[in-house]
Amino acid sequence: MPSSIVLQAGGGAAFFAFLLFVVSIALIVWTYADAQKNSSHPAFLWAIVVFFAPLLGIVLYLLLGRNTR
């Protein structure tokens, strides 16, 4: 009986991990699309930076990667 309780408790953590995964992918896709339009640097490189360091990468892109208009 106790093993079924442990298995049921893991659902929230799995959902949270899946949510973080979806947000990370969305940030990478948004950075790539935005960098194609608003950056003189290669968009693929900004997507790689956001992939490896999501929070730092998006901050760096917003501060350094976008061309001011």
N, C-alpha and C. Protein backbone atom coordinates (compact mmCIF):
# COMPACT_ATOMS: atom_id res chain seq x y z
N MET A 1 0.79 -1.20 0.00
CA MET A 1 0.00 0.00 0.00
C MET A 1 0.84 1.28 0.00
N PRO A 2 1.91 1.40 0.78
CA PRO A 2 2.68 2.64 0.79
C PRO A 2 3.32 2.96 -0.56
N SER A 3 3.65 1.93 -1.37
CA SER A 3 4.29 2.20 -2.65
C SER A 3 3.36 2.96 -3.60
N SER A 4 2.07 2.72 -3.55
CA SER A 4 1.15 3.42 -4.43
C SER A 4 1.04 4.90 -4.04
N ILE A 5 1.19 5.20 -2.77
CA ILE A 5 1.16 6.60 -2.33
C ILE A 5 2.38 7.35 -2.85
N VAL A 6 3.53 6.70 -2.82
CA VAL A 6 4.75 7.33 -3.32
C VAL A 6 4.63 7.61 -4.82
N LEU A 7 4.08 6.66 -5.58
CA LEU A 7 3.93 6.85 -7.01
C LEU A 7 2.94 7.97 -7.33
N GLN A 8 1.91 8.12 -6.55
CA GLN A 8 0.94 9.17 -6.80
C GLN A 8 1.51 10.54 -6.47
N ALA A 9 2.44 10.62 -5.56
CA ALA A 9 2.99 11.91 -5.16
C ALA A 9 3.91 12.49 -6.24
N GLY A 10 4.40 11.69 -7.15
CA GLY A 10 5.33 12.16 -8.17
C GLY A 10 4.69 12.90 -9.32
N GLY A 11 3.38 12.91 -9.40
CA GLY A 11 2.70 13.54 -10.52
C GLY A 11 2.91 15.04 -10.58
N GLY A 12 2.92 15.69 -9.45
CA GLY A 12 3.12 17.14 -9.42
C GLY A 12 4.51 17.53 -9.88
N ALA A 13 5.50 16.76 -9.49
CA ALA A 13 6.88 17.06 -9.89
C ALA A 13 7.06 16.84 -11.40
N ALA A 14 6.44 15.80 -11.92
CA ALA A 14 6.53 15.53 -13.36
C ALA A 14 5.86 16.65 -14.15
N PHE A 15 4.72 17.10 -13.68
CA PHE A 15 4.03 18.20 -14.37
C PHE A 15 4.87 19.47 -14.34
N PHE A 16 5.48 19.76 -13.19
CA PHE A 16 6.33 20.95 -13.06
C PHE A 16 7.55 20.85 -13.98
N ALA A 17 8.16 19.68 -14.08
CA ALA A 17 9.30 19.48 -14.98
C ALA A 17 8.87 19.64 -16.44
N PHE A 18 7.71 19.12 -16.78
CA PHE A 18 7.20 19.27 -18.14
C PHE A 18 6.91 20.74 -18.46
N LEU A 19 6.36 21.46 -17.50
CA LEU A 19 6.08 22.88 -17.68
C LEU A 19 7.37 23.67 -17.88
N LEU A 20 8.40 23.38 -17.11
CA LEU A 20 9.70 24.03 -17.30
C LEU A 20 10.29 23.72 -18.68
N PHE A 21 10.12 22.48 -19.13
CA PHE A 21 10.61 22.09 -20.45
C PHE A 21 9.90 22.87 -21.55
N VAL A 22 8.59 23.01 -21.44
CA VAL A 22 7.81 23.75 -22.45
C VAL A 22 8.20 25.22 -22.45
N VAL A 23 8.38 25.81 -21.28
CA VAL A 23 8.79 27.23 -21.20
C VAL A 23 10.18 27.41 -21.79
N SER A 24 11.09 26.49 -21.54
CA SER A 24 12.45 26.59 -22.09
C SER A 24 12.41 26.52 -23.62
N ILE A 25 11.65 25.60 -24.15
CA ILE A 25 11.56 25.48 -25.61
C ILE A 25 10.93 26.74 -26.20
N ALA A 26 9.91 27.27 -25.54
CA ALA A 26 9.27 28.50 -26.03
C ALA A 26 10.24 29.67 -26.01
N LEU A 27 11.07 29.78 -24.99
CA LEU A 27 12.07 30.85 -24.93
C LEU A 27 13.09 30.72 -26.06
N ILE A 28 13.51 29.50 -26.33
CA ILE A 28 14.48 29.28 -27.41
C ILE A 28 13.88 29.65 -28.75
N VAL A 29 12.66 29.21 -29.00
CA VAL A 29 11.99 29.51 -30.28
C VAL A 29 11.76 31.01 -30.41
N TRP A 30 11.30 31.67 -29.34
CA TRP A 30 11.06 33.12 -29.40
C TRP A 30 12.37 33.87 -29.64
N THR A 31 13.43 33.47 -28.96
CA THR A 31 14.72 34.15 -29.15
C THR A 31 15.20 34.00 -30.58
N TYR A 32 15.09 32.81 -31.13
CA TYR A 32 15.53 32.59 -32.52
C TYR A 32 14.72 33.45 -33.49
N ALA A 33 13.40 33.44 -33.34
CA ALA A 33 12.55 34.22 -34.25
C ALA A 33 12.81 35.72 -34.10
N ASP A 34 12.95 36.19 -32.87
CA ASP A 34 13.18 37.61 -32.64
C ASP A 34 14.57 38.03 -33.13
N ALA A 35 15.55 37.17 -32.95
CA ALA A 35 16.91 37.50 -33.38
C ALA A 35 17.02 37.57 -34.91
N GLN A 36 16.20 36.78 -35.61
CA GLN A 36 16.20 36.87 -37.07
C GLN A 36 15.73 38.24 -37.54
N LYS A 37 14.81 38.85 -36.80
CA LYS A 37 14.26 40.14 -37.19
C LYS A 37 15.03 41.32 -36.62
N ASN A 38 15.49 41.22 -35.37
CA ASN A 38 15.98 42.38 -34.65
C ASN A 38 17.44 42.35 -34.25
N SER A 39 18.23 41.45 -34.80
CA SER A 39 19.62 41.36 -34.38
C SER A 39 20.53 41.24 -35.59
N SER A 40 21.69 41.84 -35.46
CA SER A 40 22.68 41.71 -36.52
C SER A 40 23.56 40.47 -36.30
N HIS A 41 23.44 39.85 -35.14
CA HIS A 41 24.17 38.63 -34.83
C HIS A 41 23.39 37.42 -35.35
N PRO A 42 24.07 36.30 -35.54
CA PRO A 42 23.36 35.10 -36.01
C PRO A 42 22.31 34.62 -35.00
N ALA A 43 21.11 34.39 -35.48
CA ALA A 43 20.00 33.97 -34.62
C ALA A 43 20.26 32.61 -34.00
N PHE A 44 20.91 31.73 -34.74
CA PHE A 44 21.20 30.40 -34.22
C PHE A 44 22.09 30.46 -32.98
N LEU A 45 23.06 31.37 -32.97
CA LEU A 45 23.94 31.48 -31.80
C LEU A 45 23.19 31.97 -30.57
N TRP A 46 22.25 32.90 -30.75
CA TRP A 46 21.47 33.36 -29.60
C TRP A 46 20.58 32.24 -29.08
N ALA A 47 20.05 31.42 -29.98
CA ALA A 47 19.22 30.29 -29.54
C ALA A 47 20.07 29.30 -28.74
N ILE A 48 21.30 29.08 -29.14
CA ILE A 48 22.21 28.18 -28.42
C ILE A 48 22.52 28.74 -27.04
N VAL A 49 22.75 30.05 -26.96
CA VAL A 49 23.03 30.68 -25.66
C VAL A 49 21.84 30.51 -24.72
N VAL A 50 20.64 30.73 -25.21
CA VAL A 50 19.44 30.57 -24.38
C VAL A 50 19.22 29.10 -24.03
N PHE A 51 19.61 28.19 -24.90
CA PHE A 51 19.48 26.77 -24.60
C PHE A 51 20.37 26.36 -23.42
N PHE A 52 21.62 26.82 -23.42
CA PHE A 52 22.56 26.41 -22.39
C PHE A 52 22.40 27.19 -21.08
N ALA A 53 21.97 28.43 -21.15
CA ALA A 53 21.78 29.25 -19.94
C ALA A 53 20.51 30.06 -20.10
N PRO A 54 19.35 29.47 -19.83
CA PRO A 54 18.08 30.12 -20.15
C PRO A 54 17.90 31.51 -19.55
N LEU A 55 18.06 31.67 -18.25
CA LEU A 55 17.80 32.97 -17.64
C LEU A 55 18.87 33.98 -18.02
N LEU A 56 20.12 33.59 -17.89
CA LEU A 56 21.21 34.50 -18.27
C LEU A 56 21.19 34.79 -19.76
N GLY A 57 20.90 33.77 -20.56
CA GLY A 57 20.89 33.94 -22.01
C GLY A 57 19.83 34.90 -22.48
N ILE A 58 18.63 34.83 -21.92
CA ILE A 58 17.57 35.73 -22.36
C ILE A 58 17.86 37.16 -21.92
N VAL A 59 18.45 37.32 -20.74
CA VAL A 59 18.82 38.67 -20.28
C VAL A 59 19.92 39.24 -21.16
N LEU A 60 20.93 38.44 -21.48
CA LEU A 60 21.99 38.91 -22.37
C LEU A 60 21.46 39.27 -23.75
N TYR A 61 20.55 38.44 -24.26
CA TYR A 61 19.98 38.75 -25.57
C TYR A 61 19.22 40.07 -25.55
N LEU A 62 18.41 40.26 -24.53
CA LEU A 62 17.62 41.49 -24.46
C LEU A 62 18.50 42.72 -24.28
N LEU A 63 19.61 42.59 -23.55
CA LEU A 63 20.49 43.74 -23.32
C LEU A 63 21.49 43.96 -24.45
N LEU A 64 22.05 42.89 -25.00
CA LEU A 64 23.14 43.03 -25.96
C LEU A 64 22.78 42.61 -27.39
N GLY A 65 21.85 41.71 -27.55
CA GLY A 65 21.62 41.12 -28.85
C GLY A 65 20.71 41.89 -29.77
N ARG A 66 19.76 42.62 -29.22
CA ARG A 66 18.81 43.31 -30.06
C ARG A 66 19.38 44.65 -30.51
N ASN A 67 19.16 44.98 -31.75
CA ASN A 67 19.57 46.28 -32.28
C ASN A 67 18.57 47.33 -31.82
N THR A 68 19.08 48.46 -31.38
CA THR A 68 18.20 49.54 -30.99
C THR A 68 17.72 50.28 -32.22
N ARG A 69 16.45 50.61 -32.23
CA ARG A 69 15.89 51.29 -33.39
C ARG A 69 15.26 52.57 -32.97
